Amino acid sequence: MEQNKDHYRTQHPYHVWDSLQMIPALIDDCLEGEVQSDIQKIGTDFQARGINKLIMLGRGSSYFAALAVESLFEKLTKIQSAAM
């Protein structure tokens, strides 16, 4: 079976790569607003309900997004977090 070479990218745009590169700036933007306090409220709610670990599941770009926020979530909520 012959592959159609028109479907292979050999130059920009690589949309997933661009999205991954935007994550640090997006996190910074989120922390400037109400998002930080919202995350802390979620952490307080989790602790009140006895939730002591957050496991974030993802594949592809959603996995990389989970990796990007796991330490941030843990820092803000004091709840053990893991991206898988």
N, C-alpha and C. Protein backbone atom coordinates (compact mmCIF):
# COMPACT_ATOMS: atom_id res chain seq x y z
N MET A 1 0.84 -1.18 0.00
CA MET A 1 0.00 0.00 0.00
C MET A 1 0.88 1.24 0.00
N GLU A 2 0.65 2.11 -0.93
CA GLU A 2 1.47 3.31 -1.08
C GLU A 2 0.96 4.41 -0.15
N GLN A 3 1.88 5.02 0.59
CA GLN A 3 1.53 6.12 1.49
C GLN A 3 1.45 7.43 0.70
N ASN A 4 0.49 8.25 1.04
CA ASN A 4 0.38 9.56 0.43
C ASN A 4 1.32 10.51 1.16
N LYS A 5 2.37 10.93 0.50
CA LYS A 5 3.39 11.76 1.14
C LYS A 5 2.89 13.17 1.46
N ASP A 6 1.75 13.56 0.88
CA ASP A 6 1.20 14.87 1.17
C ASP A 6 0.71 14.98 2.61
N HIS A 7 0.50 13.84 3.28
CA HIS A 7 0.00 13.86 4.65
C HIS A 7 1.11 13.98 5.68
N TYR A 8 2.36 13.92 5.28
CA TYR A 8 3.47 14.02 6.22
C TYR A 8 3.97 15.45 6.25
N ARG A 9 4.13 15.96 7.43
CA ARG A 9 4.62 17.34 7.57
C ARG A 9 6.13 17.32 7.63
N THR A 10 6.71 18.19 6.88
CA THR A 10 8.16 18.33 6.89
C THR A 10 8.58 19.73 7.31
N GLN A 11 7.61 20.56 7.60
CA GLN A 11 7.90 21.91 8.06
C GLN A 11 6.73 22.42 8.88
N HIS A 12 6.90 23.61 9.43
CA HIS A 12 5.85 24.22 10.24
C HIS A 12 4.59 24.37 9.41
N PRO A 13 3.40 24.30 9.97
CA PRO A 13 3.07 24.36 11.39
C PRO A 13 2.96 22.99 12.04
N TYR A 14 3.55 22.87 13.20
CA TYR A 14 3.40 21.70 14.06
C TYR A 14 2.52 22.15 15.22
N HIS A 15 1.23 21.97 15.11
CA HIS A 15 0.28 22.54 16.06
C HIS A 15 0.43 22.01 17.47
N VAL A 16 0.69 20.72 17.62
CA VAL A 16 0.86 20.16 18.97
C VAL A 16 2.09 20.77 19.62
N TRP A 17 3.18 20.85 18.89
CA TRP A 17 4.41 21.45 19.44
C TRP A 17 4.16 22.89 19.87
N ASP A 18 3.48 23.65 19.05
CA ASP A 18 3.17 25.04 19.41
C ASP A 18 2.33 25.09 20.68
N SER A 19 1.36 24.21 20.78
CA SER A 19 0.51 24.17 21.98
C SER A 19 1.32 23.85 23.22
N LEU A 20 2.23 22.90 23.11
CA LEU A 20 3.06 22.53 24.26
C LEU A 20 3.96 23.69 24.68
N GLN A 21 4.46 24.43 23.71
CA GLN A 21 5.33 25.56 24.02
C GLN A 21 4.58 26.70 24.70
N MET A 22 3.27 26.74 24.55
CA MET A 22 2.46 27.79 25.15
C MET A 22 2.13 27.53 26.61
N ILE A 23 2.31 26.30 27.09
CA ILE A 23 1.86 25.93 28.43
C ILE A 23 2.44 26.81 29.54
N PRO A 24 3.76 27.05 29.58
CA PRO A 24 4.27 27.90 30.68
C PRO A 24 3.63 29.29 30.72
N ALA A 25 3.46 29.91 29.58
CA ALA A 25 2.85 31.25 29.55
C ALA A 25 1.38 31.18 29.97
N LEU A 26 0.68 30.14 29.58
CA LEU A 26 -0.71 29.99 29.97
C LEU A 26 -0.85 29.81 31.48
N ILE A 27 0.06 29.04 32.06
CA ILE A 27 0.03 28.85 33.52
C ILE A 27 0.29 30.17 34.21
N ASP A 28 1.26 30.93 33.72
CA ASP A 28 1.53 32.26 34.29
C ASP A 28 0.29 33.15 34.22
N ASP A 29 -0.38 33.14 33.06
CA ASP A 29 -1.59 33.95 32.91
C ASP A 29 -2.67 33.52 33.89
N CYS A 30 -2.81 32.23 34.08
CA CYS A 30 -3.83 31.72 35.01
C CYS A 30 -3.55 32.16 36.44
N LEU A 31 -2.30 32.16 36.82
CA LEU A 31 -1.95 32.49 38.20
C LEU A 31 -2.10 33.98 38.50
N GLU A 32 -2.17 34.79 37.47
CA GLU A 32 -2.36 36.22 37.68
C GLU A 32 -3.82 36.55 38.02
N GLY A 33 -4.72 35.67 37.68
CA GLY A 33 -6.14 35.93 37.91
C GLY A 33 -6.67 35.17 39.10
N GLU A 34 -7.92 34.82 39.02
CA GLU A 34 -8.60 34.14 40.11
C GLU A 34 -8.32 32.64 40.14
N VAL A 35 -7.62 32.13 39.15
CA VAL A 35 -7.43 30.69 39.04
C VAL A 35 -6.67 30.13 40.24
N GLN A 36 -5.65 30.85 40.71
CA GLN A 36 -4.87 30.36 41.84
C GLN A 36 -5.75 30.14 43.06
N SER A 37 -6.60 31.09 43.39
CA SER A 37 -7.48 30.91 44.55
C SER A 37 -8.51 29.81 44.29
N ASP A 38 -8.96 29.66 43.04
CA ASP A 38 -9.89 28.57 42.72
C ASP A 38 -9.23 27.21 42.93
N ILE A 39 -7.97 27.08 42.53
CA ILE A 39 -7.24 25.82 42.74
C ILE A 39 -7.10 25.54 44.22
N GLN A 40 -6.79 26.57 45.00
CA GLN A 40 -6.66 26.39 46.44
C GLN A 40 -7.99 25.98 47.07
N LYS A 41 -9.10 26.54 46.58
CA LYS A 41 -10.43 26.14 47.08
C LYS A 41 -10.72 24.68 46.75
N ILE A 42 -10.32 24.26 45.56
CA ILE A 42 -10.49 22.85 45.18
C ILE A 42 -9.69 21.96 46.13
N GLY A 43 -8.46 22.38 46.44
CA GLY A 43 -7.63 21.62 47.37
C GLY A 43 -8.26 21.52 48.74
N THR A 44 -8.82 22.62 49.23
CA THR A 44 -9.50 22.62 50.53
C THR A 44 -10.69 21.67 50.51
N ASP A 45 -11.45 21.70 49.42
CA ASP A 45 -12.61 20.81 49.27
C ASP A 45 -12.15 19.35 49.23
N PHE A 46 -11.10 19.07 48.47
CA PHE A 46 -10.58 17.70 48.40
C PHE A 46 -10.17 17.21 49.78
N GLN A 47 -9.45 18.05 50.53
CA GLN A 47 -9.00 17.65 51.86
C GLN A 47 -10.18 17.41 52.80
N ALA A 48 -11.20 18.25 52.71
CA ALA A 48 -12.39 18.07 53.55
C ALA A 48 -13.11 16.76 53.23
N ARG A 49 -13.00 16.32 52.00
CA ARG A 49 -13.64 15.07 51.57
C ARG A 49 -12.72 13.86 51.73
N GLY A 50 -11.53 14.08 52.27
CA GLY A 50 -10.61 12.97 52.50
C GLY A 50 -9.83 12.54 51.27
N ILE A 51 -9.83 13.37 50.24
CA ILE A 51 -9.07 13.05 49.03
C ILE A 51 -7.64 13.51 49.26
N ASN A 52 -6.69 12.58 49.19
CA ASN A 52 -5.30 12.93 49.48
C ASN A 52 -4.36 12.71 48.30
N LYS A 53 -4.92 12.36 47.14
CA LYS A 53 -4.09 12.18 45.95
C LYS A 53 -4.92 12.45 44.70
N LEU A 54 -4.31 13.17 43.75
CA LEU A 54 -4.95 13.46 42.47
C LEU A 54 -4.14 12.78 41.38
N ILE A 55 -4.78 11.93 40.61
CA ILE A 55 -4.14 11.29 39.48
C ILE A 55 -4.77 11.84 38.21
N MET A 56 -3.95 12.47 37.38
CA MET A 56 -4.43 13.06 36.13
C MET A 56 -4.01 12.15 34.99
N LEU A 57 -4.98 11.68 34.24
CA LEU A 57 -4.70 10.78 33.13
C LEU A 57 -4.77 11.53 31.81
N GLY A 58 -3.90 11.17 30.90
CA GLY A 58 -3.93 11.80 29.59
C GLY A 58 -3.11 11.03 28.59
N ARG A 59 -3.34 11.36 27.36
CA ARG A 59 -2.59 10.75 26.27
C ARG A 59 -2.27 11.86 25.27
N GLY A 60 -1.04 11.89 24.82
CA GLY A 60 -0.65 12.92 23.87
C GLY A 60 -0.57 14.27 24.55
N SER A 61 -1.18 15.27 23.93
CA SER A 61 -1.08 16.63 24.46
C SER A 61 -1.74 16.78 25.82
N SER A 62 -2.80 16.01 26.10
CA SER A 62 -3.43 16.11 27.42
C SER A 62 -2.51 15.57 28.51
N TYR A 63 -1.69 14.57 28.17
CA TYR A 63 -0.71 14.06 29.13
C TYR A 63 0.34 15.14 29.42
N PHE A 64 0.80 15.82 28.39
CA PHE A 64 1.79 16.87 28.61
C PHE A 64 1.20 18.04 29.39
N ALA A 65 -0.07 18.32 29.19
CA ALA A 65 -0.73 19.36 29.98
C ALA A 65 -0.79 18.94 31.44
N ALA A 66 -1.10 17.68 31.70
CA ALA A 66 -1.14 17.16 33.08
C ALA A 66 0.24 17.24 33.71
N LEU A 67 1.27 16.88 32.96
CA LEU A 67 2.64 17.00 33.47
C LEU A 67 2.96 18.45 33.84
N ALA A 68 2.49 19.36 33.01
CA ALA A 68 2.80 20.78 33.23
C ALA A 68 2.17 21.30 34.52
N VAL A 69 1.02 20.79 34.90
CA VAL A 69 0.33 21.35 36.07
C VAL A 69 0.44 20.49 37.33
N GLU A 70 1.00 19.28 37.23
CA GLU A 70 0.99 18.42 38.42
C GLU A 70 1.74 19.04 39.59
N SER A 71 2.92 19.58 39.37
CA SER A 71 3.65 20.16 40.51
C SER A 71 3.01 21.45 40.98
N LEU A 72 2.42 22.22 40.07
CA LEU A 72 1.72 23.44 40.44
C LEU A 72 0.53 23.12 41.34
N PHE A 73 -0.27 22.13 40.93
CA PHE A 73 -1.44 21.74 41.72
C PHE A 73 -1.01 21.27 43.10
N GLU A 74 0.05 20.46 43.13
CA GLU A 74 0.55 19.95 44.42
C GLU A 74 1.04 21.09 45.31
N LYS A 75 1.73 22.04 44.71
CA LYS A 75 2.25 23.18 45.49
C LYS A 75 1.12 24.02 46.06
N LEU A 76 0.08 24.25 45.28
CA LEU A 76 -1.01 25.12 45.73
C LEU A 76 -1.97 24.43 46.67
N THR A 77 -2.10 23.10 46.58
CA THR A 77 -3.11 22.41 47.37
C THR A 77 -2.54 21.52 48.47
N LYS A 78 -1.25 21.24 48.41
CA LYS A 78 -0.59 20.32 49.35
C LYS A 78 -1.16 18.90 49.23
N ILE A 79 -1.73 18.58 48.06
CA ILE A 79 -2.26 17.26 47.77
C ILE A 79 -1.34 16.59 46.76
N GLN A 80 -0.92 15.38 47.07
CA GLN A 80 -0.04 14.64 46.18
C GLN A 80 -0.70 14.52 44.81
N SER A 81 0.05 14.82 43.74
CA SER A 81 -0.49 14.79 42.39
C SER A 81 0.43 14.01 41.48
N ALA A 82 -0.15 13.36 40.49
CA ALA A 82 0.64 12.58 39.54
C ALA A 82 -0.03 12.61 38.18
N ALA A 83 0.78 12.76 37.15
CA ALA A 83 0.29 12.69 35.78
C ALA A 83 0.68 11.33 35.22
N MET A 84 -0.26 10.69 34.58
CA MET A 84 0.00 9.37 34.01
C MET A 84 -0.58 9.29 32.62
